[in-house]
Amino acid sequence: MDFFAPIHIDNLQPPIKYGDHVFLIGSCFTEHIGNALAGHKFSVLQNPNGILFDPASVCNALISYIENKPLAEDGLIYLNELWQSWQHHSRFSGIDKNTVLKNINDARQQAHDFLKKAGWLIITLGSSFSYRLNENNPDAKFNQLKVANCHRAPGQWFDKKMLSIEETITLLDNTYHRLRFFNPNLKILFTVSPVRHLRDGVVENNRSKAKLIEAVHHIVHKFPVANYFPAYELVIDVLRDYRFYDIDLAHPNYAATEFVLEKFITHCIDEASQQLMKELKQIAIAKKHRAFQPETNAHKAFLKAHYEKAKALSEKYSFLDMREEMEYFSK
C-alpha cells in the first residue's frame, strides 16, 4: 500500500558540485536550502537584500546587483525611529543613516561580485502579491514604487496587487536575459516556496502559487539553462498533512524541511559532492558533541581522531576551509 503520491523529479543536469558558487534569492524557504549548503561548506551567498517574496522584488534586486549603482541617501526613509529601505529587509534598518547606507551598498557590491562568478542562481518565489506605494505615503518621490518590505508602515500607504501570469513571465524573462548577458555561464534553478501565505486567504494563496508555478514553467520550458525543483509539490502533494507544518499551519516544520532537503541533495547535487557532504556532516556532529568528562583519555582520543579527519579533508580538497573545525578539535 502506498502512503505517498509518487512524484518524478528529474536529476539536475549538470548537478551542483563543490567549487560552484551558488547564489540564492527569494523567500524564507530559500534560506533553508542556502543554510544547508553553507553548513556543508559550499560557496554560497544568499539574499543580499534580505528575504524577498514576490517576483517584482526578486527581479528588481537581481537587476540592482547587475547594475551595482550605490543607493543614495534619498533612497532611504525614516520610519519608526529607524532609517530603512523599501527594497530591503528590516535587518538592514538602523538608527544611524550612514551605517545603514554602508551596509546596503556593501551587500550590493558583494552580490555584484559573487553573481558575476556564480555557476548557479537558485530563485525561490513565495507569492504573486506585490505592494506599491500610493499617494498616501508622505514622500511623493516614492509614489508607485514597488516595495519589497512594508516595514510596518500604515496600510493605507500601499496598493496590493496580485501579479498576473503574463506580468510575472515578463519580469522573469527580462531578468533572465540581463543575468545571462552579465554572466553567460550562469544556470538557474527555480523553486516555489511551500510556505502558505494564509493572511491572504486560502483561496487567494492557492491562486497566487498557481500563477507563480505557471510563469516559472513557462521560463523553464523556454530556456535550456533554467530548471525547476518541486519543493512546493513535495510538501503540498507528497506530504499532504498538517503534522508536517508548524503551529501557525503555514510554515513547513523541521521534518518537512529535512524531507525536501534530502530530495534536493539526491537530485540536485552530484554524487562525489554527496559523499563529501556525508563526511562533513560526521565532523559537524562531532563538533556539537559535549563531553561530561573532557579530561578523559577517551575524549582526547575522540578530539584527535576528528582533528585528523578535518585536516585530511582540508589537505585533500583545496576549496574546503576547515580551520574552524581543526581549531576546535585541537583544544
Protein backbone atom coordinates (compact mmCIF):
# COMPACT_ATOMS: atom_id res chain seq x y z
CA MET A 1 0.00 0.00 0.00
CA ASP A 2 1.34 3.43 -0.96
CA PHE A 3 1.05 6.18 1.63
CA PHE A 4 2.67 8.87 -0.53
CA ALA A 5 1.75 10.01 -4.03
CA PRO A 6 4.64 9.23 -6.38
CA ILE A 7 6.44 12.24 -7.79
CA HIS A 8 9.05 12.19 -10.54
CA ILE A 9 11.98 14.52 -10.04
CA ASP A 10 14.45 14.95 -12.87
CA ASN A 11 18.08 14.99 -11.84
CA LEU A 12 19.63 18.39 -12.33
CA GLN A 13 21.89 18.45 -15.38
CA PRO A 14 24.60 19.37 -14.76
CA PRO A 15 24.29 18.91 -10.98
CA ILE A 16 25.56 21.37 -8.39
CA LYS A 17 29.01 20.43 -7.10
CA TYR A 18 31.71 21.69 -4.77
CA GLY A 19 33.60 24.50 -6.44
CA ASP A 20 30.40 26.03 -7.83
CA HIS A 21 29.42 29.43 -6.49
CA VAL A 22 25.73 29.25 -5.57
CA PHE A 23 23.70 32.47 -5.32
CA LEU A 24 20.28 32.15 -3.63
CA ILE A 25 17.49 34.70 -3.54
CA GLY A 26 13.84 34.78 -2.55
CA SER A 27 11.53 33.72 0.25
CA CYS A 28 12.39 32.34 3.67
CA PHE A 29 12.42 28.82 2.21
CA THR A 30 15.42 29.90 0.13
CA GLU A 31 17.38 30.19 3.34
CA HIS A 32 16.63 26.59 4.35
CA ILE A 33 18.41 25.45 1.18
CA GLY A 34 21.12 28.10 1.50
CA ASN A 35 21.85 27.32 5.14
CA ALA A 36 22.09 23.61 4.37
CA LEU A 37 24.58 24.24 1.57
CA ALA A 38 26.58 26.72 3.65
CA GLY A 39 26.63 24.27 6.56
CA HIS A 40 28.25 21.74 4.23
CA LYS A 41 30.82 24.35 3.13
CA PHE A 42 29.55 25.12 -0.34
CA SER A 43 30.41 28.59 -1.62
CA VAL A 44 27.10 30.36 -1.02
CA LEU A 45 25.68 33.89 -0.99
CA GLN A 46 22.03 34.27 -0.09
CA ASN A 47 19.52 37.11 -0.02
CA PRO A 48 21.76 40.21 -0.12
CA ASN A 49 18.59 42.34 0.26
CA GLY A 50 17.14 40.06 2.90
CA ILE A 51 14.09 37.84 2.38
CA LEU A 52 12.02 38.68 -0.72
CA PHE A 53 8.69 37.14 -1.69
CA ASP A 54 7.22 38.40 -4.94
CA PRO A 55 8.67 38.24 -8.48
CA ALA A 56 8.92 42.04 -8.82
CA SER A 57 11.05 42.36 -5.67
CA VAL A 58 13.29 39.45 -6.65
CA CYS A 59 13.80 40.70 -10.21
CA ASN A 60 14.41 44.30 -9.10
CA ALA A 61 17.02 43.09 -6.62
CA LEU A 62 18.82 40.99 -9.23
CA ILE A 63 18.92 43.91 -11.67
CA SER A 64 20.32 46.13 -8.90
CA TYR A 65 23.18 43.66 -8.35
CA ILE A 66 23.98 43.65 -12.06
CA GLU A 67 23.95 47.45 -12.35
CA ASN A 68 25.65 47.91 -8.96
CA LYS A 69 24.60 51.54 -8.53
CA PRO A 70 25.12 52.67 -4.92
CA LEU A 71 21.97 53.58 -3.03
CA ALA A 72 21.94 57.31 -2.23
CA GLU A 73 20.70 58.95 0.96
CA ASP A 74 17.42 59.96 -0.64
CA GLY A 75 16.72 56.28 -1.26
CA LEU A 76 16.17 55.79 2.48
CA ILE A 77 13.12 56.60 4.59
CA TYR A 78 12.92 57.49 8.27
CA LEU A 79 10.16 55.40 9.82
CA ASN A 80 9.52 54.08 13.33
CA GLU A 81 12.72 55.79 14.56
CA LEU A 82 14.84 53.90 12.06
CA TRP A 83 16.42 54.55 8.68
CA GLN A 84 15.06 51.95 6.26
CA SER A 85 14.94 50.98 2.60
CA TRP A 86 11.76 49.99 0.79
CA GLN A 87 13.82 47.45 -1.20
CA HIS A 88 15.49 45.77 1.78
CA HIS A 89 14.57 43.58 4.71
CA SER A 90 14.42 45.19 8.15
CA ARG A 91 17.71 43.52 9.09
CA PHE A 92 19.33 46.44 7.25
CA SER A 93 17.38 49.04 9.24
CA GLY A 94 19.19 51.10 11.87
CA ILE A 95 19.43 54.30 13.87
CA ASP A 96 22.48 55.67 12.02
CA LYS A 97 21.80 56.64 8.37
CA ASN A 98 25.42 56.28 7.25
CA THR A 99 25.73 52.79 8.72
CA VAL A 100 22.51 51.69 7.02
CA LEU A 101 23.70 53.02 3.66
CA LYS A 102 27.12 51.43 4.05
CA ASN A 103 25.64 48.03 4.91
CA ILE A 104 23.24 48.15 1.96
CA ASN A 105 25.90 49.21 -0.54
CA ASP A 106 28.49 46.76 0.80
CA ALA A 107 25.93 43.96 0.38
CA ARG A 108 25.14 45.13 -3.16
CA GLN A 109 28.83 45.19 -4.11
CA GLN A 110 29.33 41.71 -2.66
CA ALA A 111 26.29 40.47 -4.58
CA HIS A 112 27.59 42.02 -7.83
CA ASP A 113 30.98 40.35 -7.46
CA PHE A 114 29.55 36.97 -6.43
CA LEU A 115 26.85 36.89 -9.11
CA LYS A 116 29.45 37.60 -11.79
CA LYS A 117 31.27 34.35 -11.00
CA ALA A 118 28.31 32.25 -9.85
CA GLY A 119 27.64 28.94 -11.53
CA TRP A 120 24.12 28.62 -10.11
CA LEU A 121 21.32 31.01 -9.17
CA ILE A 122 18.54 29.49 -7.06
CA ILE A 123 15.34 31.59 -7.06
CA THR A 124 12.53 30.75 -4.64
CA LEU A 125 9.32 32.69 -5.25
CA GLY A 126 6.81 32.90 -2.42
CA SER A 127 3.84 34.99 -3.50
CA SER A 128 2.35 36.71 -6.55
CA PHE A 129 1.17 39.61 -4.40
CA SER A 130 3.10 42.82 -4.94
CA TYR A 131 2.84 46.04 -2.91
CA ARG A 132 3.17 49.54 -4.38
CA LEU A 133 3.31 52.86 -2.59
CA ASN A 134 0.43 55.18 -3.41
CA GLU A 135 -0.12 58.92 -2.99
CA ASN A 136 -0.94 58.47 0.72
CA ASN A 137 2.71 57.90 1.61
CA PRO A 138 4.43 61.04 2.97
CA ASP A 139 7.16 61.28 0.30
CA ALA A 140 5.86 61.89 -3.23
CA LYS A 141 9.08 60.71 -4.89
CA PHE A 142 8.24 57.15 -3.81
CA ASN A 143 4.75 57.15 -5.39
CA GLN A 144 4.12 53.98 -7.41
CA LEU A 145 7.34 52.38 -6.15
CA LYS A 146 7.07 48.60 -5.83
CA VAL A 147 8.30 47.72 -2.37
CA ALA A 148 9.94 44.57 -1.07
CA ASN A 149 9.19 45.25 2.60
CA CYS A 150 6.44 47.39 4.14
CA HIS A 151 8.32 47.94 7.44
CA ARG A 152 5.06 48.09 9.43
CA ALA A 153 4.09 51.34 7.69
CA PRO A 154 0.36 52.27 7.64
CA GLY A 155 -1.59 50.00 5.32
CA GLN A 156 -3.23 52.93 3.52
CA TRP A 157 0.17 53.85 2.07
CA PHE A 158 0.10 50.79 -0.18
CA ASP A 159 -1.85 49.28 -3.04
CA LYS A 160 -1.80 45.49 -3.07
CA LYS A 161 -1.96 43.65 -6.37
CA MET A 162 -1.71 40.06 -7.48
CA LEU A 163 0.64 39.96 -10.46
CA SER A 164 -0.80 38.19 -13.48
CA ILE A 165 0.93 35.25 -15.11
CA GLU A 166 1.84 37.48 -18.06
CA GLU A 167 3.36 40.15 -15.80
CA THR A 168 5.43 37.56 -13.93
CA ILE A 169 6.64 35.97 -17.17
CA THR A 170 7.71 39.38 -18.48
CA LEU A 171 9.63 40.14 -15.28
CA LEU A 172 11.38 36.75 -15.25
CA ASP A 173 12.09 36.78 -18.99
CA ASN A 174 13.68 40.24 -18.93
CA THR A 175 15.70 39.42 -15.84
CA TYR A 176 16.87 36.13 -17.36
CA HIS A 177 18.34 37.94 -20.38
CA ARG A 178 20.04 40.55 -18.17
CA LEU A 179 21.53 37.82 -16.00
CA ARG A 180 22.83 35.76 -18.91
CA PHE A 181 24.38 38.81 -20.57
CA PHE A 182 26.06 39.69 -17.25
CA ASN A 183 27.21 36.10 -16.58
CA PRO A 184 26.95 33.80 -19.65
CA ASN A 185 27.86 30.74 -17.56
CA LEU A 186 25.01 31.19 -15.08
CA LYS A 187 22.47 28.39 -14.68
CA ILE A 188 19.18 28.97 -12.89
CA LEU A 189 17.12 26.73 -10.61
CA PHE A 190 13.59 27.87 -9.73
CA THR A 191 11.56 26.70 -6.78
CA VAL A 192 8.21 27.83 -5.41
CA SER A 193 8.03 28.13 -1.64
CA PRO A 194 5.70 25.67 0.16
CA VAL A 195 5.10 28.30 2.87
CA ARG A 196 1.38 29.14 2.80
CA HIS A 197 0.51 32.86 2.91
CA LEU A 198 -2.69 32.38 4.88
CA ARG A 199 -3.15 36.05 5.69
CA ASP A 200 -4.07 36.47 2.03
CA GLY A 201 -6.72 33.74 2.47
CA VAL A 202 -6.57 30.09 1.45
CA VAL A 203 -8.17 30.64 -1.95
CA GLU A 204 -6.02 33.69 -2.74
CA ASN A 205 -2.88 31.86 -1.59
CA ASN A 206 -3.63 29.00 -3.96
CA ARG A 207 -4.28 31.41 -6.84
CA SER A 208 -1.01 33.18 -6.04
CA LYS A 209 1.01 29.96 -6.03
CA ALA A 210 -0.66 28.71 -9.22
CA LYS A 211 0.36 31.88 -11.08
CA LEU A 212 3.96 31.51 -9.90
CA ILE A 213 4.11 27.86 -10.95
CA GLU A 214 2.70 28.57 -14.42
CA ALA A 215 5.06 31.51 -15.00
CA VAL A 216 8.12 29.62 -13.80
CA HIS A 217 7.36 26.63 -16.01
CA HIS A 218 6.97 28.93 -19.00
CA ILE A 219 10.54 30.15 -18.39
CA VAL A 220 11.88 26.64 -17.73
CA HIS A 221 10.42 25.33 -20.99
CA LYS A 222 11.72 28.33 -22.92
CA PHE A 223 15.35 28.39 -21.76
CA PRO A 224 17.60 25.28 -21.57
CA VAL A 225 19.64 26.54 -18.58
CA ALA A 226 16.53 27.22 -16.49
CA ASN A 227 15.41 24.36 -14.23
CA TYR A 228 12.72 23.60 -11.66
CA PHE A 229 12.89 21.77 -8.33
CA PRO A 230 9.45 20.81 -6.90
CA ALA A 231 9.83 21.95 -3.27
CA TYR A 232 6.22 23.15 -3.27
CA GLU A 233 4.84 19.88 -4.64
CA LEU A 234 6.88 17.76 -2.21
CA VAL A 235 5.19 19.41 0.76
CA ILE A 236 1.73 20.12 -0.64
CA ASP A 237 1.20 16.97 -2.74
CA VAL A 238 3.51 14.33 -1.26
CA LEU A 239 3.46 15.00 2.49
CA ARG A 240 -0.07 16.47 2.43
CA ASP A 241 -0.64 16.56 6.18
CA TYR A 242 -0.81 19.27 8.84
CA ARG A 243 1.58 17.29 11.03
CA PHE A 244 4.29 18.49 8.65
CA TYR A 245 3.51 22.14 9.44
CA ASP A 246 4.48 24.38 12.30
CA ILE A 247 1.95 25.63 14.83
CA ASP A 248 0.99 28.51 12.51
CA LEU A 249 -0.18 25.93 9.92
CA ALA A 250 1.70 27.94 7.29
CA HIS A 251 5.41 27.10 7.59
CA PRO A 252 6.69 23.56 6.94
CA ASN A 253 8.24 22.15 10.12
CA TYR A 254 11.66 20.59 10.64
CA ALA A 255 10.59 17.14 9.40
CA ALA A 256 9.10 18.55 6.19
CA THR A 257 12.08 20.79 5.54
CA GLU A 258 14.52 17.93 6.03
CA PHE A 259 12.44 15.77 3.66
CA VAL A 260 12.67 18.42 0.95
CA LEU A 261 16.39 18.94 1.56
CA GLU A 262 17.04 15.20 1.23
CA LYS A 263 15.33 15.21 -2.16
CA PHE A 264 17.23 18.33 -3.17
CA ILE A 265 20.56 16.74 -2.31
CA THR A 266 19.67 13.49 -4.09
CA HIS A 267 18.51 15.11 -7.32
CA CYS A 268 20.49 18.36 -7.50
CA ILE A 269 23.95 17.58 -6.05
CA ASP A 270 26.49 15.40 -7.86
CA GLU A 271 27.42 12.04 -6.33
CA ALA A 272 31.01 12.92 -5.40
CA SER A 273 29.80 16.02 -3.56
CA GLN A 274 27.12 13.98 -1.78
CA GLN A 275 29.81 11.68 -0.40
CA LEU A 276 31.87 14.62 0.80
CA MET A 277 28.76 16.11 2.41
CA LYS A 278 28.35 12.92 4.45
CA GLU A 279 31.94 13.16 5.71
CA LEU A 280 31.48 16.81 6.62
CA LYS A 281 28.23 16.02 8.42
CA GLN A 282 30.03 13.50 10.63
CA ILE A 283 32.58 16.15 11.58
CA ALA A 284 29.82 18.70 12.25
CA ILE A 285 28.03 16.21 14.54
CA ALA A 286 31.29 15.51 16.37
CA LYS A 287 31.83 19.26 16.82
CA LYS A 288 28.45 19.56 18.55
CA HIS A 289 29.32 16.76 20.97
CA ARG A 290 29.69 17.94 24.57
CA ALA A 291 31.68 15.65 26.86
CA PHE A 292 30.73 15.23 30.52
CA GLN A 293 34.34 14.30 31.34
CA PRO A 294 36.54 16.24 28.89
CA GLU A 295 39.78 15.30 30.69
CA THR A 296 39.48 11.59 29.98
CA ASN A 297 41.84 9.91 27.54
CA ALA A 298 38.83 8.65 25.60
CA HIS A 299 37.62 12.18 24.91
CA LYS A 300 41.13 13.35 23.99
CA ALA A 301 41.38 10.47 21.53
CA PHE A 302 37.95 11.47 20.13
CA LEU A 303 39.17 15.03 19.55
CA LYS A 304 42.44 13.89 18.00
CA ALA A 305 40.70 11.50 15.62
CA HIS A 306 38.35 14.18 14.34
CA TYR A 307 41.15 16.73 14.11
CA GLU A 308 42.96 14.31 11.80
CA LYS A 309 39.80 13.80 9.74
CA ALA A 310 39.32 17.55 9.35
CA LYS A 311 42.98 18.05 8.48
CA ALA A 312 42.90 15.26 5.92
CA LEU A 313 39.84 16.73 4.20
CA SER A 314 41.44 20.18 4.17
CA GLU A 315 44.56 18.78 2.52
CA LYS A 316 42.60 16.69 0.03
CA TYR A 317 40.16 19.42 -1.04
CA SER A 318 41.73 22.84 -1.54
CA PHE A 319 38.33 24.57 -1.63
CA LEU A 320 37.44 23.45 1.91
CA ASP A 321 38.19 25.77 4.80
CA MET A 322 38.42 23.51 7.85
CA ARG A 323 40.32 25.92 10.09
CA GLU A 324 37.43 26.40 12.50
CA GLU A 325 36.96 22.65 12.95
CA MET A 326 40.69 21.99 13.31
CA GLU A 327 40.98 24.73 15.91
CA TYR A 328 38.06 23.31 17.85
CA PHE A 329 39.35 19.74 17.87
CA SER A 330 42.91 20.85 18.66
CA LYS A 331 41.68 22.16 22.03
